[in-house]
C-alpha cells in the first residue's frame, strides 16, 4: 500500500511541523500543541534529521523557513486539506449507513402497537430500517 520510503516518515513530527508552519511562531505552535517550546524545537530538529535537510535558518531574530521548509509547508497544506476531506467523507458515510433490524411479529401486535409509532422511531433513529415479518413462519436467523 505504502512505498518502502514512506515507512520511515514520522507523522507526529510532520503534524507538529504543519502546526508550526501555520502559526509561524514556535511559542504559539507549542502552545497549540500543548507542549513546551524546547520539545517542539527538538521535534523540528528530529524532523530535519529524518528528512536530511534544513527546514529553517536560525538567527538572532528567530527562525526563518528555508526553501525546503516552505515547500514542506505547502505539502502540509495539501495533506491538511486531504485529511479534512477524508474526515468529512467519513462523517457523511457514517451518517448515511443504515442499519437493518429484522423482526418477526404477530400481525395484530405490529398493526396496533408498532406501526403507529414508526414515524417517531424513524425521526429519532434515521439510520435504522425496520423490517417486520408477520408471516408467522420459522425464520433461519443465519441468513
N, C-alpha and C. Protein backbone atom coordinates (compact mmCIF):
# COMPACT_ATOMS: atom_id res chain seq x y z
N UNK A 1 0.81 -1.18 0.00
CA UNK A 1 0.00 0.00 0.00
C UNK A 1 0.87 1.26 0.00
N UNK A 2 1.77 1.37 0.98
CA UNK A 2 2.69 2.50 1.01
C UNK A 2 4.03 2.03 0.50
N UNK A 3 4.72 2.92 -0.16
CA UNK A 3 6.04 2.57 -0.64
C UNK A 3 7.00 2.45 0.54
N UNK A 4 8.06 1.70 0.35
CA UNK A 4 9.05 1.46 1.39
C UNK A 4 9.58 2.77 1.98
N UNK A 5 9.82 3.77 1.14
CA UNK A 5 10.42 5.02 1.63
C UNK A 5 9.49 5.78 2.58
N UNK A 6 8.18 5.55 2.51
CA UNK A 6 7.24 6.25 3.37
C UNK A 6 7.13 5.62 4.75
N UNK A 7 7.64 4.41 4.92
CA UNK A 7 7.52 3.74 6.21
C UNK A 7 8.29 4.48 7.30
N UNK A 8 9.31 5.24 6.92
CA UNK A 8 10.11 5.93 7.91
C UNK A 8 9.58 7.31 8.29
N UNK A 9 8.54 7.78 7.61
CA UNK A 9 8.01 9.11 7.90
C UNK A 9 7.30 9.11 9.25
N UNK A 10 7.68 10.03 10.10
CA UNK A 10 7.06 10.16 11.41
C UNK A 10 5.92 11.17 11.30
N UNK A 11 4.70 10.66 11.29
CA UNK A 11 3.53 11.51 11.09
C UNK A 11 3.33 12.52 12.22
N UNK A 12 3.72 12.15 13.44
CA UNK A 12 3.60 13.09 14.56
C UNK A 12 4.51 14.29 14.36
N UNK A 13 5.74 14.03 13.92
CA UNK A 13 6.66 15.14 13.66
C UNK A 13 6.13 16.02 12.53
N UNK A 14 5.59 15.39 11.51
CA UNK A 14 5.03 16.13 10.39
C UNK A 14 3.85 16.98 10.83
N UNK A 15 3.00 16.43 11.70
CA UNK A 15 1.87 17.20 12.23
C UNK A 15 2.38 18.40 13.04
N UNK A 16 3.39 18.18 13.86
CA UNK A 16 3.98 19.29 14.62
C UNK A 16 4.50 20.37 13.68
N UNK A 17 5.15 19.94 12.60
CA UNK A 17 5.67 20.89 11.62
C UNK A 17 4.52 21.65 10.95
N UNK A 18 3.44 20.94 10.64
CA UNK A 18 2.30 21.57 9.99
C UNK A 18 1.71 22.67 10.89
N UNK A 19 1.57 22.37 12.16
CA UNK A 19 1.06 23.38 13.10
C UNK A 19 2.02 24.55 13.19
N UNK A 20 3.32 24.25 13.28
CA UNK A 20 4.31 25.32 13.37
C UNK A 20 4.30 26.18 12.11
N UNK A 21 4.20 25.54 10.94
CA UNK A 21 4.22 26.31 9.70
C UNK A 21 2.97 27.20 9.57
N UNK A 22 1.85 26.75 10.13
CA UNK A 22 0.63 27.57 10.12
C UNK A 22 0.78 28.78 11.04
N UNK A 23 1.36 28.53 12.22
CA UNK A 23 1.50 29.60 13.22
C UNK A 23 2.62 30.57 12.88
N UNK A 24 3.73 30.02 12.40
CA UNK A 24 4.88 30.84 12.10
C UNK A 24 5.72 31.19 13.31
N UNK A 25 5.23 30.91 14.48
CA UNK A 25 5.94 31.21 15.73
C UNK A 25 6.04 29.95 16.57
N UNK A 26 7.23 29.68 17.05
CA UNK A 26 7.49 28.48 17.84
C UNK A 26 6.64 28.47 19.12
N UNK A 27 6.58 29.58 19.83
CA UNK A 27 5.85 29.65 21.09
C UNK A 27 4.35 29.40 20.88
N UNK A 28 3.79 30.01 19.85
CA UNK A 28 2.36 29.85 19.57
C UNK A 28 2.05 28.41 19.17
N UNK A 29 2.90 27.81 18.32
CA UNK A 29 2.70 26.43 17.89
C UNK A 29 2.81 25.48 19.08
N UNK A 30 3.80 25.69 19.93
CA UNK A 30 3.98 24.84 21.11
C UNK A 30 2.75 24.92 22.01
N UNK A 31 2.21 26.11 22.15
CA UNK A 31 1.01 26.29 22.96
C UNK A 31 -0.17 25.53 22.35
N UNK A 32 -0.33 25.63 21.04
CA UNK A 32 -1.42 24.92 20.38
C UNK A 32 -1.27 23.41 20.50
N UNK A 33 -0.04 22.93 20.48
CA UNK A 33 0.25 21.50 20.60
C UNK A 33 0.29 21.04 22.05
N UNK A 34 0.21 21.99 22.96
CA UNK A 34 0.24 21.71 24.40
C UNK A 34 1.56 21.02 24.81
N UNK A 35 2.66 21.54 24.26
CA UNK A 35 3.99 21.07 24.60
C UNK A 35 4.87 22.28 24.85
N UNK A 36 6.07 22.05 25.37
CA UNK A 36 6.99 23.16 25.61
C UNK A 36 7.68 23.56 24.30
N UNK A 37 8.20 24.77 24.29
CA UNK A 37 8.94 25.27 23.13
C UNK A 37 10.17 24.39 22.89
N UNK A 38 10.84 23.99 23.96
CA UNK A 38 12.04 23.15 23.79
C UNK A 38 11.68 21.78 23.20
N UNK A 39 10.53 21.23 23.58
CA UNK A 39 10.09 19.96 22.99
C UNK A 39 9.80 20.12 21.51
N UNK A 40 9.11 21.19 21.15
CA UNK A 40 8.82 21.43 19.74
C UNK A 40 10.11 21.65 18.96
N UNK A 41 11.05 22.38 19.54
CA UNK A 41 12.33 22.61 18.88
C UNK A 41 13.07 21.30 18.64
N UNK A 42 13.08 20.42 19.64
CA UNK A 42 13.72 19.11 19.48
C UNK A 42 13.03 18.30 18.39
N UNK A 43 11.72 18.37 18.34
CA UNK A 43 10.98 17.62 17.33
C UNK A 43 11.27 18.15 15.92
N UNK A 44 11.43 19.47 15.80
CA UNK A 44 11.74 20.04 14.49
C UNK A 44 13.16 19.64 14.07
N UNK A 45 14.08 19.59 15.02
CA UNK A 45 15.44 19.13 14.72
C UNK A 45 15.42 17.67 14.30
N UNK A 46 14.60 16.87 14.95
CA UNK A 46 14.47 15.45 14.59
C UNK A 46 13.88 15.31 13.19
N UNK A 47 12.89 16.11 12.85
CA UNK A 47 12.31 16.06 11.51
C UNK A 47 13.36 16.43 10.47
N UNK A 48 14.12 17.48 10.73
CA UNK A 48 15.20 17.86 9.81
C UNK A 48 16.19 16.72 9.64
N UNK A 49 16.53 16.07 10.73
CA UNK A 49 17.46 14.95 10.68
C UNK A 49 16.88 13.79 9.88
N UNK A 50 15.61 13.45 10.15
CA UNK A 50 14.95 12.35 9.43
C UNK A 50 14.88 12.62 7.93
N UNK A 51 14.61 13.87 7.56
CA UNK A 51 14.49 14.24 6.15
C UNK A 51 15.85 14.54 5.52
N UNK A 52 16.86 14.68 6.37
CA UNK A 52 18.21 15.01 5.93
C UNK A 52 18.23 16.32 5.13
N UNK A 53 17.56 17.32 5.69
CA UNK A 53 17.56 18.65 5.06
C UNK A 53 17.25 19.71 6.11
N UNK A 54 17.69 20.92 5.83
CA UNK A 54 17.40 22.06 6.72
C UNK A 54 16.07 22.67 6.32
N UNK A 55 15.20 22.78 7.29
CA UNK A 55 13.89 23.38 7.05
C UNK A 55 13.84 24.82 7.54
N UNK A 56 14.82 25.19 8.39
CA UNK A 56 14.85 26.52 8.99
C UNK A 56 16.25 27.10 8.96
N UNK A 57 16.29 28.42 9.01
CA UNK A 57 17.53 29.15 9.28
C UNK A 57 17.33 29.80 10.64
N UNK A 58 18.19 29.46 11.55
CA UNK A 58 18.09 30.05 12.88
C UNK A 58 19.03 31.25 12.95
N UNK A 59 18.50 32.38 13.42
CA UNK A 59 19.32 33.58 13.55
C UNK A 59 18.88 34.36 14.79
N UNK A 60 19.48 35.51 15.00
CA UNK A 60 19.20 36.30 16.20
C UNK A 60 17.74 36.76 16.26
N UNK A 61 17.09 36.90 15.11
CA UNK A 61 15.69 37.34 15.07
C UNK A 61 14.70 36.20 15.23
N UNK A 62 15.18 34.96 15.30
CA UNK A 62 14.29 33.81 15.43
C UNK A 62 14.59 32.78 14.36
N UNK A 63 13.53 32.26 13.79
CA UNK A 63 13.65 31.19 12.81
C UNK A 63 12.98 31.62 11.51
N UNK A 64 13.65 31.34 10.40
CA UNK A 64 13.08 31.60 9.07
C UNK A 64 13.08 30.29 8.30
N UNK A 65 12.04 30.07 7.52
CA UNK A 65 11.96 28.86 6.71
C UNK A 65 12.95 28.92 5.55
N UNK A 66 13.56 27.79 5.27
CA UNK A 66 14.39 27.66 4.06
C UNK A 66 13.44 27.37 2.90
N UNK A 67 13.99 27.31 1.70
CA UNK A 67 13.17 26.96 0.53
C UNK A 67 12.53 25.59 0.73
N UNK A 68 13.30 24.63 1.26
CA UNK A 68 12.76 23.30 1.52
C UNK A 68 11.67 23.36 2.59
N UNK A 69 11.87 24.24 3.58
CA UNK A 69 10.87 24.42 4.63
C UNK A 69 9.54 24.94 4.08
N UNK A 70 9.63 25.92 3.16
CA UNK A 70 8.41 26.43 2.52
C UNK A 70 7.73 25.34 1.69
N UNK A 71 8.55 24.57 0.98
CA UNK A 71 7.99 23.51 0.14
C UNK A 71 7.27 22.48 1.00
N UNK A 72 7.89 22.08 2.11
CA UNK A 72 7.25 21.12 3.01
C UNK A 72 5.97 21.72 3.59
N UNK A 73 5.97 23.00 3.91
CA UNK A 73 4.76 23.66 4.42
C UNK A 73 3.63 23.59 3.40
N UNK A 74 3.96 23.76 2.12
CA UNK A 74 2.94 23.66 1.06
C UNK A 74 2.38 22.24 0.98
N UNK A 75 3.26 21.24 1.10
CA UNK A 75 2.79 19.85 1.10
C UNK A 75 1.91 19.59 2.32
N UNK A 76 2.27 20.19 3.44
CA UNK A 76 1.47 20.04 4.66
C UNK A 76 0.07 20.63 4.47
N UNK A 77 -0.02 21.76 3.75
CA UNK A 77 -1.34 22.34 3.47
C UNK A 77 -2.19 21.37 2.65
N UNK A 78 -1.56 20.74 1.65
CA UNK A 78 -2.28 19.75 0.84
C UNK A 78 -2.72 18.57 1.71
N UNK A 79 -1.81 18.11 2.56
CA UNK A 79 -2.11 17.00 3.44
C UNK A 79 -3.24 17.35 4.40
N UNK A 80 -3.18 18.54 4.96
CA UNK A 80 -4.22 19.00 5.89
C UNK A 80 -5.57 19.06 5.18
N UNK A 81 -5.59 19.57 3.95
CA UNK A 81 -6.83 19.62 3.18
C UNK A 81 -7.35 18.22 2.87
N UNK A 82 -6.45 17.31 2.56
CA UNK A 82 -6.85 15.93 2.27
C UNK A 82 -7.42 15.25 3.51
N UNK A 83 -6.78 15.48 4.64
CA UNK A 83 -7.28 14.91 5.90
C UNK A 83 -8.66 15.46 6.21
N UNK A 84 -8.88 16.75 5.98
CA UNK A 84 -10.20 17.34 6.21
C UNK A 84 -11.24 16.71 5.28
N UNK A 85 -10.87 16.48 4.02
CA UNK A 85 -11.80 15.84 3.07
C UNK A 85 -12.13 14.42 3.50
N UNK A 86 -11.12 13.68 3.93
CA UNK A 86 -11.33 12.30 4.39
C UNK A 86 -12.26 12.30 5.60
N UNK A 87 -11.99 13.19 6.53
CA UNK A 87 -12.81 13.28 7.74
C UNK A 87 -14.26 13.59 7.39
N UNK A 88 -14.47 14.55 6.50
CA UNK A 88 -15.83 14.92 6.06
C UNK A 88 -16.50 13.74 5.37
N UNK A 89 -15.78 13.06 4.49
CA UNK A 89 -16.35 11.93 3.76
C UNK A 89 -16.75 10.81 4.72
N UNK A 90 -15.92 10.57 5.72
CA UNK A 90 -16.24 9.51 6.67
C UNK A 90 -17.44 9.88 7.52
N UNK A 91 -17.57 11.14 7.90
CA UNK A 91 -18.76 11.57 8.66
C UNK A 91 -20.01 11.39 7.81
N UNK A 92 -19.94 11.76 6.53
CA UNK A 92 -21.09 11.59 5.65
C UNK A 92 -21.42 10.12 5.47
N UNK A 93 -20.40 9.29 5.31
CA UNK A 93 -20.62 7.86 5.16
C UNK A 93 -21.27 7.30 6.41
N UNK A 94 -20.74 7.68 7.57
CA UNK A 94 -21.28 7.19 8.83
C UNK A 94 -22.74 7.59 8.98
N UNK A 95 -23.07 8.82 8.59
CA UNK A 95 -24.44 9.29 8.72
C UNK A 95 -25.38 8.66 7.72
N UNK A 96 -24.86 8.10 6.63
CA UNK A 96 -25.71 7.52 5.61
C UNK A 96 -25.83 6.00 5.71
N UNK A 97 -25.09 5.39 6.61
CA UNK A 97 -25.18 3.95 6.77
C UNK A 97 -26.49 3.62 7.48
N UNK A 98 -27.23 2.72 6.90
CA UNK A 98 -28.49 2.30 7.51
C UNK A 98 -28.29 0.92 8.11
N UNK A 99 -28.70 0.80 9.33
CA UNK A 99 -28.67 -0.49 9.99
C UNK A 99 -30.06 -1.09 9.86
N UNK A 100 -30.13 -2.38 9.61
CA UNK A 100 -31.41 -3.05 9.41
C UNK A 100 -31.74 -3.88 10.63
N UNK A 101 -32.94 -3.69 11.15
CA UNK A 101 -33.44 -4.50 12.25
C UNK A 101 -34.58 -5.33 11.69
N UNK A 102 -34.43 -6.65 11.77
CA UNK A 102 -35.46 -7.55 11.26
C UNK A 102 -36.14 -8.22 12.44
N UNK A 103 -37.44 -8.27 12.41
CA UNK A 103 -38.15 -8.96 13.49
C UNK A 103 -39.39 -9.66 12.94
N UNK A 104 -39.72 -10.77 13.56
CA UNK A 104 -40.96 -11.48 13.26
C UNK A 104 -41.93 -11.14 14.36
N UNK A 105 -43.13 -10.78 13.98
CA UNK A 105 -44.09 -10.30 14.97
C UNK A 105 -45.51 -10.65 14.51
N UNK A 106 -46.38 -10.88 15.46
CA UNK A 106 -47.78 -11.16 15.15
C UNK A 106 -48.38 -9.92 14.49
N UNK A 107 -49.13 -10.11 13.42
CA UNK A 107 -49.66 -9.01 12.61
C UNK A 107 -50.45 -8.01 13.44
N UNK A 108 -51.32 -8.47 14.33
CA UNK A 108 -52.14 -7.54 15.12
C UNK A 108 -51.28 -6.70 16.07
N UNK A 109 -50.25 -7.29 16.63
CA UNK A 109 -49.36 -6.52 17.51
C UNK A 109 -48.62 -5.47 16.69
N UNK A 110 -48.14 -5.86 15.51
CA UNK A 110 -47.46 -4.90 14.64
C UNK A 110 -48.40 -3.76 14.26
N UNK A 111 -49.62 -4.10 13.86
CA UNK A 111 -50.58 -3.09 13.38
C UNK A 111 -50.95 -2.11 14.48
N UNK A 112 -51.16 -2.57 15.70
CA UNK A 112 -51.68 -1.70 16.75
C UNK A 112 -50.62 -1.12 17.68
N UNK A 113 -49.52 -1.82 17.85
CA UNK A 113 -48.52 -1.36 18.81
C UNK A 113 -47.24 -0.80 18.17
N UNK A 114 -46.85 -1.33 17.02
CA UNK A 114 -45.58 -0.94 16.43
C UNK A 114 -45.75 0.11 15.34
N UNK A 115 -46.55 -0.19 14.35
CA UNK A 115 -46.68 0.67 13.17
C UNK A 115 -47.10 2.10 13.53
N UNK A 116 -48.03 2.31 14.48
CA UNK A 116 -48.40 3.70 14.81
C UNK A 116 -47.23 4.54 15.35
N UNK A 117 -46.16 3.90 15.80
CA UNK A 117 -45.04 4.62 16.40
C UNK A 117 -43.80 4.66 15.49
N UNK A 118 -43.92 4.11 14.28
CA UNK A 118 -42.75 4.03 13.39
C UNK A 118 -42.24 5.41 12.95
N UNK A 119 -43.13 6.35 12.67
CA UNK A 119 -42.66 7.69 12.25
C UNK A 119 -41.80 8.32 13.33
N UNK A 120 -42.25 8.27 14.56
CA UNK A 120 -41.45 8.83 15.66
C UNK A 120 -40.13 8.07 15.81
N UNK A 121 -40.19 6.74 15.68
CA UNK A 121 -38.98 5.92 15.76
C UNK A 121 -37.97 6.33 14.70
N UNK A 122 -38.43 6.49 13.45
CA UNK A 122 -37.54 6.88 12.35
C UNK A 122 -36.99 8.30 12.53
N UNK A 123 -37.78 9.18 13.10
CA UNK A 123 -37.27 10.53 13.36
C UNK A 123 -36.14 10.50 14.39
N UNK A 124 -36.27 9.64 15.38
CA UNK A 124 -35.25 9.54 16.42
C UNK A 124 -34.09 8.62 16.03
N UNK A 125 -34.31 7.76 15.04
CA UNK A 125 -33.30 6.78 14.62
C UNK A 125 -33.24 6.72 13.10
N UNK A 126 -32.77 7.77 12.45
CA UNK A 126 -32.83 7.82 10.98
C UNK A 126 -31.95 6.79 10.28
N UNK A 127 -31.01 6.20 10.99
CA UNK A 127 -30.11 5.24 10.36
C UNK A 127 -30.55 3.79 10.56
N UNK A 128 -31.73 3.61 11.11
CA UNK A 128 -32.22 2.25 11.32
C UNK A 128 -33.42 2.01 10.42
N UNK A 129 -33.39 0.91 9.73
CA UNK A 129 -34.50 0.49 8.89
C UNK A 129 -35.14 -0.73 9.54
N UNK A 130 -36.42 -0.65 9.80
CA UNK A 130 -37.13 -1.73 10.46
C UNK A 130 -37.80 -2.61 9.41
N UNK A 131 -37.52 -3.92 9.46
CA UNK A 131 -38.19 -4.88 8.59
C UNK A 131 -38.99 -5.82 9.48
N UNK A 132 -40.30 -5.89 9.23
CA UNK A 132 -41.16 -6.75 10.04
C UNK A 132 -41.73 -7.86 9.19
N UNK A 133 -41.67 -9.06 9.73
CA UNK A 133 -42.24 -10.22 9.07
C UNK A 133 -43.43 -10.68 9.90
N UNK A 134 -44.61 -10.62 9.33
CA UNK A 134 -45.82 -11.04 10.05
C UNK A 134 -46.35 -12.36 9.52
N UNK A 135 -45.54 -13.10 8.77
CA UNK A 135 -46.00 -14.34 8.15
C UNK A 135 -46.10 -15.50 9.13
N UNK A 136 -45.50 -15.39 10.29
CA UNK A 136 -45.54 -16.41 11.32
C UNK A 136 -44.87 -17.71 10.89
N UNK A 137 -43.92 -17.63 9.96
CA UNK A 137 -43.14 -18.79 9.56
C UNK A 137 -41.85 -18.80 10.36
N UNK A 138 -41.27 -19.96 10.50
CA UNK A 138 -39.98 -20.04 11.15
C UNK A 138 -38.94 -19.36 10.27
N UNK A 139 -38.09 -18.57 10.88
CA UNK A 139 -37.08 -17.83 10.14
C UNK A 139 -35.71 -18.34 10.55
N UNK A 140 -34.86 -18.60 9.57
CA UNK A 140 -33.49 -19.00 9.85
C UNK A 140 -32.67 -17.73 10.06
N UNK A 141 -32.23 -17.48 11.28
CA UNK A 141 -31.51 -16.23 11.59
C UNK A 141 -30.11 -16.20 11.02
N UNK A 142 -29.63 -17.31 10.48
CA UNK A 142 -28.29 -17.34 9.90
C UNK A 142 -28.26 -16.78 8.49
N UNK A 143 -29.37 -16.46 7.92
CA UNK A 143 -29.41 -15.95 6.54
C UNK A 143 -29.31 -14.47 6.52
